[in-house]
């Protein structure tokens, strides 16, 4: 975490309002931008409802990334 208590960019976090895990991409104004671990569209989350993931949540998110890569090992831009 940074000095302000905000999660660092690249950290896996849980948006407690949606129940979705995302990787912190940026902090914009009063929002945190999260992106699904397997790729996809970012969404804005309230920093007051975002927390670091547990070990179980981290493993589940990592599995989603590996599965997404296995479907297209060349990346989304290769389609």
C-alpha atoms as a PDB file:
ATOM      1  CA  UNK A   1       0.000   0.000   0.000  1.00  0.00           C
ATOM      2  CA  UNK A   2       1.095   3.539  -0.595  1.00  0.00           C
ATOM      3  CA  UNK A   3       1.584   6.150   2.106  1.00  0.00           C
ATOM      4  CA  UNK A   4      -2.025   7.329   1.741  1.00  0.00           C
ATOM      5  CA  UNK A   5      -3.405   3.832   2.377  1.00  0.00           C
ATOM      6  CA  UNK A   6      -4.320   3.390  -1.287  1.00  0.00           C
ATOM      7  CA  UNK A   7      -3.501   0.093  -2.932  1.00  0.00           C
ATOM      8  CA  UNK A   8      -0.490   0.147  -5.234  1.00  0.00           C
ATOM      9  CA  UNK A   9      -0.966  -0.149  -8.986  1.00  0.00           C
ATOM     10  CA  UNK A  10      -0.699  -3.813  -9.962  1.00  0.00           C
ATOM     11  CA  UNK A  11      -2.151  -5.105  -6.687  1.00  0.00           C
ATOM     12  CA  UNK A  12      -5.006  -7.591  -6.815  1.00  0.00           C
ATOM     13  CA  UNK A  13      -7.993  -6.192  -4.945  1.00  0.00           C
ATOM     14  CA  UNK A  14     -11.586  -7.098  -4.174  1.00  0.00           C
ATOM     15  CA  UNK A  15     -14.340  -4.631  -4.955  1.00  0.00           C
ATOM     16  CA  UNK A  16     -16.599  -5.430  -2.007  1.00  0.00           C
ATOM     17  CA  UNK A  17     -19.630  -3.801  -3.633  1.00  0.00           C
ATOM     18  CA  UNK A  18     -19.553  -6.073  -6.685  1.00  0.00           C
ATOM     19  CA  UNK A  19     -17.668  -9.043  -5.237  1.00  0.00           C
ATOM     20  CA  UNK A  20     -15.297  -8.904  -8.218  1.00  0.00           C
ATOM     21  CA  UNK A  21     -11.516  -9.214  -8.069  1.00  0.00           C
ATOM     22  CA  UNK A  22      -9.475  -6.847 -10.185  1.00  0.00           C
ATOM     23  CA  UNK A  23      -5.951  -5.600 -10.639  1.00  0.00           C
ATOM     24  CA  UNK A  24      -5.468  -1.959  -9.617  1.00  0.00           C
ATOM     25  CA  UNK A  25      -4.693  -0.047 -12.803  1.00  0.00           C
ATOM     26  CA  UNK A  26      -4.855   3.567 -11.620  1.00  0.00           C
ATOM     27  CA  UNK A  27      -6.242   6.019  -9.091  1.00  0.00           C
ATOM     28  CA  UNK A  28      -8.365   8.695 -10.741  1.00  0.00           C
ATOM     29  CA  UNK A  29      -9.944  11.354  -8.594  1.00  0.00           C
ATOM     30  CA  UNK A  30     -12.094   9.661  -6.009  1.00  0.00           C
ATOM     31  CA  UNK A  31     -12.061   6.255  -7.741  1.00  0.00           C
ATOM     32  CA  UNK A  32      -9.789   3.263  -8.163  1.00  0.00           C
ATOM     33  CA  UNK A  33      -9.728   1.667 -11.600  1.00  0.00           C
ATOM     34  CA  UNK A  34      -9.735  -2.126 -11.561  1.00  0.00           C
ATOM     35  CA  UNK A  35      -9.366  -4.593 -14.431  1.00  0.00           C
ATOM     36  CA  UNK A  36     -10.390  -8.275 -14.320  1.00  0.00           C
ATOM     37  CA  UNK A  37      -7.373 -10.591 -13.848  1.00  0.00           C
ATOM     38  CA  UNK A  38      -8.000 -12.369 -17.169  1.00  0.00           C
ATOM     39  CA  UNK A  39      -8.255  -9.064 -19.030  1.00  0.00           C
ATOM     40  CA  UNK A  40     -11.243  -7.046 -20.039  1.00  0.00           C
ATOM     41  CA  UNK A  41     -12.759  -3.671 -19.381  1.00  0.00           C
ATOM     42  CA  UNK A  42     -11.729  -1.625 -16.380  1.00  0.00           C
ATOM     43  CA  UNK A  43     -14.307  -0.398 -13.922  1.00  0.00           C
ATOM     44  CA  UNK A  44     -14.306   2.342 -11.329  1.00  0.00           C
ATOM     45  CA  UNK A  45     -14.573   1.373  -7.679  1.00  0.00           C
ATOM     46  CA  UNK A  46     -14.959   3.339  -4.481  1.00  0.00           C
ATOM     47  CA  UNK A  47     -11.609   3.120  -2.614  1.00  0.00           C
ATOM     48  CA  UNK A  48     -13.520   2.773   0.651  1.00  0.00           C
ATOM     49  CA  UNK A  49     -14.918  -0.544  -0.586  1.00  0.00           C
ATOM     50  CA  UNK A  50     -11.737  -1.978  -2.100  1.00  0.00           C
ATOM     51  CA  UNK A  51      -9.377  -4.195  -0.124  1.00  0.00           C
ATOM     52  CA  UNK A  52      -6.431  -6.485  -0.838  1.00  0.00           C
ATOM     53  CA  UNK A  53      -7.448 -10.023  -1.765  1.00  0.00           C
ATOM     54  CA  UNK A  54      -7.048 -13.008   0.545  1.00  0.00           C
ATOM     55  CA  UNK A  55      -4.802 -15.893  -0.439  1.00  0.00           C
ATOM     56  CA  UNK A  56      -7.818 -17.878  -1.678  1.00  0.00           C
ATOM     57  CA  UNK A  57      -9.038 -14.931  -3.760  1.00  0.00           C
ATOM     58  CA  UNK A  58      -5.515 -14.419  -5.140  1.00  0.00           C
ATOM     59  CA  UNK A  59      -5.280 -18.059  -6.254  1.00  0.00           C
ATOM     60  CA  UNK A  60      -8.709 -17.907  -7.875  1.00  0.00           C
ATOM     61  CA  UNK A  61      -7.759 -14.700  -9.737  1.00  0.00           C
ATOM     62  CA  UNK A  62      -4.423 -16.182 -10.865  1.00  0.00           C
ATOM     63  CA  UNK A  63      -6.236 -19.237 -12.212  1.00  0.00           C
ATOM     64  CA  UNK A  64      -8.499 -16.904 -14.220  1.00  0.00           C
ATOM     65  CA  UNK A  65      -5.399 -15.233 -15.717  1.00  0.00           C
ATOM     66  CA  UNK A  66      -3.831 -18.576 -16.637  1.00  0.00           C
ATOM     67  CA  UNK A  67      -7.082 -19.806 -18.190  1.00  0.00           C
ATOM     68  CA  UNK A  68      -7.434 -16.612 -20.244  1.00  0.00           C
ATOM     69  CA  UNK A  69      -3.864 -16.985 -21.484  1.00  0.00           C
ATOM     70  CA  UNK A  70      -4.403 -20.644 -22.369  1.00  0.00           C
ATOM     71  CA  UNK A  71      -7.309 -19.671 -24.629  1.00  0.00           C
ATOM     72  CA  UNK A  72      -5.141 -17.145 -26.495  1.00  0.00           C
ATOM     73  CA  UNK A  73      -1.395 -17.374 -25.698  1.00  0.00           C
ATOM     74  CA  UNK A  74      -0.559 -14.561 -28.148  1.00  0.00           C
ATOM     75  CA  UNK A  75      -2.574 -11.941 -26.273  1.00  0.00           C
ATOM     76  CA  UNK A  76      -5.814 -10.199 -27.069  1.00  0.00           C
ATOM     77  CA  UNK A  77      -4.159  -8.069 -29.787  1.00  0.00           C
ATOM     78  CA  UNK A  78      -3.352 -11.184 -31.848  1.00  0.00           C
ATOM     79  CA  UNK A  79      -6.999 -11.937 -32.582  1.00  0.00           C
END
